[in-house]
Structures are given as structure tokens and as C-alpha cells.
Amino acid sequence: MEKKLERLKKSIWVFHLNTGSCNACDIEILDALTPYHDAERFGVKLVGSPRHADVLLLTGPITLESLPKVINAIEATPRPRIIVALGSCGSGGGIWHDTYSTIGGVNNLLKILKERGIEVDAVYYVPGCPIRPEALLYAIALVKGLVEKKAKSKVAVVE
């Protein structure tokens, strides 16, 4: 896995995958690409095809209508497949986590992908509604290995 991620040290090409979002996180992605936040200083380039992408930026709860297209886009992405789930909706489904027209967030998508034999090498979560451009830049820095993860993997239970 570490060998696969070695190629991401130079630049990261990202594909924006809108899976049914309200577009608030989409605007923040564009804001991160403006000269003010300057995501390009990390080598981030927005590409028009998942076949060219190193990272998929997933926004919105995954709707049933978009599910086949999302699976096709993820399958078309070369390995290592890295997903950055943006916002409350992308991470857990947001307020639509249990509605009739969505499957929820990226965790439910990962279960479907696993059933189909499609591997995802890493998932990064960016919380917020909408996300902040700074949080997206932090996630990109995590993917590149420029910073350490702030949150712990496990939550301590207080009795």
C-alpha cells in the first residue's frame, strides 16, 4: 500500500464526484482551487475524468439514481483508489442518512463496492456542512503525507 501511495508525493489529480449534494460543498471545492486558498501549491489539479484521477472528492449522500454512475466512476479510477468524503452528507449521509432515495454516506457505498469486488485503498473524511476550504486542504495534505492525523482512530469510552 505504501508503495502505491508513493506516486502521490508529487501531485494529486482530483475528480469531483457529486452524488446528490446540495452543491454547498461543491462551491467550497471551487473556493479551495481559487488563488486565495491555492490548492495548486500542493499539486492539486481538477480533472474531467475519473480515469485520470488519483483522488475522488465525493460530495453528497449517494442517491439511488446516482449509485450506478458512482460505482462506474470508482471502478474507472486507477489504483490506488482514494476517496475523500466531503461534508456531513458524503461522510454519513447527513440528514438524508436513512431516506428512501439514498443509501447514505460513503460507508454504505464501501459495503456495496466490497460485494462487487471493487477495492478502495483509503478513505478520508472531511466533516462540516458545508466543509471549509481549509479542511479540504488539510485532507489533501494528509493524503500526501505532509501532516499527521489529528484525530484518533478510536474513541475512548468514559464510564
C-alpha atoms as a PDB file:
ATOM      1  CA  MET A   1       0.000   0.000   0.000  1.00  0.00           C
ATOM      2  CA  GLU A   2       2.788   2.415   0.926  1.00  0.00           C
ATOM      3  CA  LYS A   3       4.452   1.727  -2.435  1.00  0.00           C
ATOM      4  CA  LYS A   4       1.200   2.578  -4.226  1.00  0.00           C
ATOM      5  CA  LEU A   5       0.838   5.848  -2.334  1.00  0.00           C
ATOM      6  CA  GLU A   6       4.415   6.842  -3.153  1.00  0.00           C
ATOM      7  CA  ARG A   7       3.307   8.202  -6.540  1.00  0.00           C
ATOM      8  CA  LEU A   8       1.051  10.731  -4.783  1.00  0.00           C
ATOM      9  CA  LYS A   9       4.017  12.592  -3.290  1.00  0.00           C
ATOM     10  CA  LYS A  10       4.371  14.873  -6.312  1.00  0.00           C
ATOM     11  CA  SER A  11       0.940  15.964  -7.466  1.00  0.00           C
ATOM     12  CA  ILE A  12      -2.643  14.864  -6.958  1.00  0.00           C
ATOM     13  CA  TRP A  13      -5.220  14.968  -9.688  1.00  0.00           C
ATOM     14  CA  VAL A  14      -8.722  15.026  -8.252  1.00  0.00           C
ATOM     15  CA  PHE A  15     -12.082  14.186  -9.781  1.00  0.00           C
ATOM     16  CA  HIS A  16     -15.148  15.776  -8.249  1.00  0.00           C
ATOM     17  CA  LEU A  17     -17.894  13.166  -7.829  1.00  0.00           C
ATOM     18  CA  ASN A  18     -21.235  14.769  -6.935  1.00  0.00           C
ATOM     19  CA  THR A  19     -23.533  12.011  -5.707  1.00  0.00           C
ATOM     20  CA  GLY A  20     -26.601  14.117  -4.988  1.00  0.00           C
ATOM     21  CA  SER A  21     -25.367  17.032  -2.915  1.00  0.00           C
ATOM     22  CA  CYS A  22     -26.986  20.411  -2.363  1.00  0.00           C
ATOM     23  CA  ASN A  23     -23.882  21.982  -4.012  1.00  0.00           C
ATOM     24  CA  ALA A  24     -22.647  23.761  -0.883  1.00  0.00           C
ATOM     25  CA  CYS A  25     -19.578  21.512  -0.616  1.00  0.00           C
ATOM     26  CA  ASP A  26     -19.100  21.779  -4.382  1.00  0.00           C
ATOM     27  CA  ILE A  27     -18.726  25.543  -4.075  1.00  0.00           C
ATOM     28  CA  GLU A  28     -16.171  25.060  -1.295  1.00  0.00           C
ATOM     29  CA  ILE A  29     -14.150  22.750  -3.558  1.00  0.00           C
ATOM     30  CA  LEU A  30     -14.037  25.502  -6.148  1.00  0.00           C
ATOM     31  CA  ASP A  31     -13.105  28.000  -3.429  1.00  0.00           C
ATOM     32  CA  ALA A  32     -10.153  25.805  -2.425  1.00  0.00           C
ATOM     33  CA  LEU A  33      -8.930  25.958  -6.026  1.00  0.00           C
ATOM     34  CA  THR A  34      -9.008  29.773  -6.205  1.00  0.00           C
ATOM     35  CA  PRO A  35      -5.805  31.805  -5.778  1.00  0.00           C
ATOM     36  CA  TYR A  36      -6.814  32.726  -2.208  1.00  0.00           C
ATOM     37  CA  HIS A  37      -6.526  29.134  -0.884  1.00  0.00           C
ATOM     38  CA  ASP A  38      -4.347  27.945  -3.792  1.00  0.00           C
ATOM     39  CA  ALA A  39      -4.702  24.155  -3.705  1.00  0.00           C
ATOM     40  CA  GLU A  40      -2.394  24.031  -6.709  1.00  0.00           C
ATOM     41  CA  ARG A  41       0.583  24.737  -4.428  1.00  0.00           C
ATOM     42  CA  PHE A  42       0.109  21.112  -3.287  1.00  0.00           C
ATOM     43  CA  GLY A  43      -0.048  19.932  -6.893  1.00  0.00           C
ATOM     44  CA  VAL A  44      -3.845  19.573  -6.884  1.00  0.00           C
ATOM     45  CA  LYS A  45      -5.436  19.650 -10.296  1.00  0.00           C
ATOM     46  CA  LEU A  46      -9.123  19.138 -11.029  1.00  0.00           C
ATOM     47  CA  VAL A  47      -9.559  16.650 -13.885  1.00  0.00           C
ATOM     48  CA  GLY A  48     -12.595  15.867 -16.018  1.00  0.00           C
ATOM     49  CA  SER A  49     -12.414  12.069 -15.946  1.00  0.00           C
ATOM     50  CA  PRO A  50     -12.047   9.530 -13.137  1.00  0.00           C
ATOM     51  CA  ARG A  51      -9.640   7.638 -15.400  1.00  0.00           C
ATOM     52  CA  HIS A  52      -7.103  10.446 -14.869  1.00  0.00           C
ATOM     53  CA  ALA A  53      -7.743  10.912 -11.147  1.00  0.00           C
ATOM     54  CA  ASP A  54      -5.625   9.982  -8.163  1.00  0.00           C
ATOM     55  CA  VAL A  55      -8.311  11.022  -5.663  1.00  0.00           C
ATOM     56  CA  LEU A  56     -12.106  11.162  -5.834  1.00  0.00           C
ATOM     57  CA  LEU A  57     -13.786  14.038  -3.974  1.00  0.00           C
ATOM     58  CA  LEU A  58     -17.205  12.644  -3.053  1.00  0.00           C
ATOM     59  CA  THR A  59     -19.921  15.154  -2.124  1.00  0.00           C
ATOM     60  CA  GLY A  60     -23.484  14.437  -1.075  1.00  0.00           C
ATOM     61  CA  PRO A  61     -25.408  11.409   0.097  1.00  0.00           C
ATOM     62  CA  ILE A  62     -25.335   8.679  -2.527  1.00  0.00           C
ATOM     63  CA  THR A  63     -28.750   8.710  -4.188  1.00  0.00           C
ATOM     64  CA  LEU A  64     -30.176   5.550  -5.726  1.00  0.00           C
ATOM     65  CA  GLU A  65     -30.286   7.368  -9.062  1.00  0.00           C
ATOM     66  CA  SER A  66     -26.566   8.174  -8.950  1.00  0.00           C
ATOM     67  CA  LEU A  67     -25.398   4.848  -7.473  1.00  0.00           C
ATOM     68  CA  PRO A  68     -24.642   3.033 -10.783  1.00  0.00           C
ATOM     69  CA  LYS A  69     -22.763   6.067 -12.079  1.00  0.00           C
ATOM     70  CA  VAL A  70     -20.800   6.379  -8.834  1.00  0.00           C
ATOM     71  CA  ILE A  71     -19.807   2.703  -8.992  1.00  0.00           C
ATOM     72  CA  ASN A  72     -18.707   3.113 -12.621  1.00  0.00           C
ATOM     73  CA  ALA A  73     -16.629   6.195 -11.761  1.00  0.00           C
ATOM     74  CA  ILE A  74     -14.924   4.474  -8.839  1.00  0.00           C
ATOM     75  CA  GLU A  75     -14.237   1.381 -10.923  1.00  0.00           C
ATOM     76  CA  ALA A  76     -12.714   3.561 -13.668  1.00  0.00           C
ATOM     77  CA  THR A  77     -10.309   5.201 -11.218  1.00  0.00           C
ATOM     78  CA  PRO A  78      -6.817   3.653 -11.331  1.00  0.00           C
ATOM     79  CA  ARG A  79      -5.327   2.101  -8.220  1.00  0.00           C
ATOM     80  CA  PRO A  80      -4.655   3.192  -5.579  1.00  0.00           C
ATOM     81  CA  ARG A  81      -8.253   4.341  -5.242  1.00  0.00           C
ATOM     82  CA  ILE A  82      -8.571   7.093  -2.661  1.00  0.00           C
ATOM     83  CA  ILE A  83     -11.885   8.677  -1.728  1.00  0.00           C
ATOM     84  CA  VAL A  84     -12.195  11.912   0.214  1.00  0.00           C
ATOM     85  CA  ALA A  85     -15.747  12.022   1.589  1.00  0.00           C
ATOM     86  CA  LEU A  86     -16.697  15.668   1.950  1.00  0.00           C
ATOM     87  CA  GLY A  87     -19.216  17.107   4.362  1.00  0.00           C
ATOM     88  CA  SER A  88     -21.812  15.550   6.595  1.00  0.00           C
ATOM     89  CA  CYS A  89     -23.623  14.068   3.604  1.00  0.00           C
ATOM     90  CA  GLY A  90     -20.624  12.438   1.976  1.00  0.00           C
ATOM     91  CA  SER A  91     -19.318  11.096   5.276  1.00  0.00           C
ATOM     92  CA  GLY A  92     -22.518   9.728   6.780  1.00  0.00           C
ATOM     93  CA  GLY A  93     -25.485  10.727   4.655  1.00  0.00           C
ATOM     94  CA  GLY A  94     -26.274  13.911   6.582  1.00  0.00           C
ATOM     95  CA  ILE A  95     -29.959  14.492   7.172  1.00  0.00           C
ATOM     96  CA  TRP A  96     -30.689  12.018   4.365  1.00  0.00           C
ATOM     97  CA  HIS A  97     -28.845   9.089   6.008  1.00  0.00           C
ATOM     98  CA  ASP A  98     -31.966   6.895   6.179  1.00  0.00           C
ATOM     99  CA  THR A  99     -34.306   8.183   3.493  1.00  0.00           C
ATOM    100  CA  TYR A 100     -35.933   6.101   0.784  1.00  0.00           C
ATOM    101  CA  SER A 101     -33.958   7.671  -2.057  1.00  0.00           C
ATOM    102  CA  THR A 102     -30.397   7.408  -0.711  1.00  0.00           C
ATOM    103  CA  ILE A 103     -28.056   4.741   0.561  1.00  0.00           C
ATOM    104  CA  GLY A 104     -26.469   7.220   2.989  1.00  0.00           C
ATOM    105  CA  GLY A 105     -22.792   8.081   3.156  1.00  0.00           C
ATOM    106  CA  VAL A 106     -19.560   6.564   1.935  1.00  0.00           C
ATOM    107  CA  ASN A 107     -19.554   3.689   4.457  1.00  0.00           C
ATOM    108  CA  ASN A 108     -22.664   2.176   2.877  1.00  0.00           C
ATOM    109  CA  LEU A 109     -21.099   2.681  -0.544  1.00  0.00           C
ATOM    110  CA  LEU A 110     -17.974   0.817   0.581  1.00  0.00           C
ATOM    111  CA  LYS A 111     -20.113  -2.195   1.549  1.00  0.00           C
ATOM    112  CA  ILE A 112     -21.681  -2.255  -1.934  1.00  0.00           C
ATOM    113  CA  LEU A 113     -18.268  -1.903  -3.581  1.00  0.00           C
ATOM    114  CA  LYS A 114     -16.866  -4.753  -1.487  1.00  0.00           C
ATOM    115  CA  GLU A 115     -19.757  -7.009  -2.550  1.00  0.00           C
ATOM    116  CA  ARG A 116     -18.867  -6.253  -6.187  1.00  0.00           C
ATOM    117  CA  GLY A 117     -15.160  -6.905  -5.652  1.00  0.00           C
ATOM    118  CA  ILE A 118     -14.112  -3.271  -6.133  1.00  0.00           C
ATOM    119  CA  GLU A 119     -11.340  -2.287  -3.734  1.00  0.00           C
ATOM    120  CA  VAL A 120     -10.867   1.182  -2.275  1.00  0.00           C
ATOM    121  CA  ASP A 121      -7.424   1.719  -0.806  1.00  0.00           C
ATOM    122  CA  ALA A 122      -8.106   4.661   1.512  1.00  0.00           C
ATOM    123  CA  VAL A 123     -10.979   6.864   2.646  1.00  0.00           C
ATOM    124  CA  TYR A 124     -10.531  10.281   4.248  1.00  0.00           C
ATOM    125  CA  TYR A 125     -13.409  12.085   5.950  1.00  0.00           C
ATOM    126  CA  VAL A 126     -13.818  15.862   5.944  1.00  0.00           C
ATOM    127  CA  PRO A 127     -16.605  16.909   8.336  1.00  0.00           C
ATOM    128  CA  GLY A 128     -18.755  20.001   8.096  1.00  0.00           C
ATOM    129  CA  CYS A 129     -21.860  21.363   6.491  1.00  0.00           C
ATOM    130  CA  PRO A 130     -20.568  22.761   4.262  1.00  0.00           C
ATOM    131  CA  ILE A 131     -16.901  21.921   4.532  1.00  0.00           C
ATOM    132  CA  ARG A 132     -14.327  24.649   4.863  1.00  0.00           C
ATOM    133  CA  PRO A 133     -11.733  25.009   2.094  1.00  0.00           C
ATOM    134  CA  GLU A 134      -9.051  24.795   4.779  1.00  0.00           C
ATOM    135  CA  ALA A 135     -10.400  21.393   5.833  1.00  0.00           C
ATOM    136  CA  LEU A 136     -10.176  20.153   2.250  1.00  0.00           C
ATOM    137  CA  LEU A 137      -6.578  21.382   2.027  1.00  0.00           C
ATOM    138  CA  TYR A 138      -5.814  19.565   5.286  1.00  0.00           C
ATOM    139  CA  ALA A 139      -7.257  16.346   3.811  1.00  0.00           C
ATOM    140  CA  ILE A 140      -5.089  16.768   0.718  1.00  0.00           C
ATOM    141  CA  ALA A 141      -2.064  17.312   2.966  1.00  0.00           C
ATOM    142  CA  LEU A 142      -2.999  14.082   4.803  1.00  0.00           C
ATOM    143  CA  VAL A 143      -3.212  12.169   1.526  1.00  0.00           C
ATOM    144  CA  LYS A 144       0.205  13.490   0.511  1.00  0.00           C
ATOM    145  CA  GLY A 145       1.665  12.689   3.933  1.00  0.00           C
ATOM    146  CA  LEU A 146       2.587  16.303   4.697  1.00  0.00           C
ATOM    147  CA  VAL A 147       0.808  16.406   8.078  1.00  0.00           C
ATOM    148  CA  GLU A 148      -0.124  13.983  10.833  1.00  0.00           C
ATOM    149  CA  LYS A 149      -3.704  12.976  11.523  1.00  0.00           C
ATOM    150  CA  LYS A 150      -5.116  14.999  14.435  1.00  0.00           C
ATOM    151  CA  ALA A 151      -7.984  12.717  15.458  1.00  0.00           C
ATOM    152  CA  LYS A 152      -7.505   9.293  16.974  1.00  0.00           C
ATOM    153  CA  SER A 153      -8.815   6.240  15.179  1.00  0.00           C
ATOM    154  CA  LYS A 154     -10.705   5.028  18.221  1.00  0.00           C
ATOM    155  CA  VAL A 155     -12.919   6.919  20.627  1.00  0.00           C
ATOM    156  CA  ALA A 156     -12.334   6.317  24.324  1.00  0.00           C
ATOM    157  CA  VAL A 157     -15.398   5.259  26.280  1.00  0.00           C
ATOM    158  CA  VAL A 158     -15.876   7.147  29.544  1.00  0.00           C
ATOM    159  CA  GLU A 159     -17.694   5.212  32.242  1.00  0.00           C
END
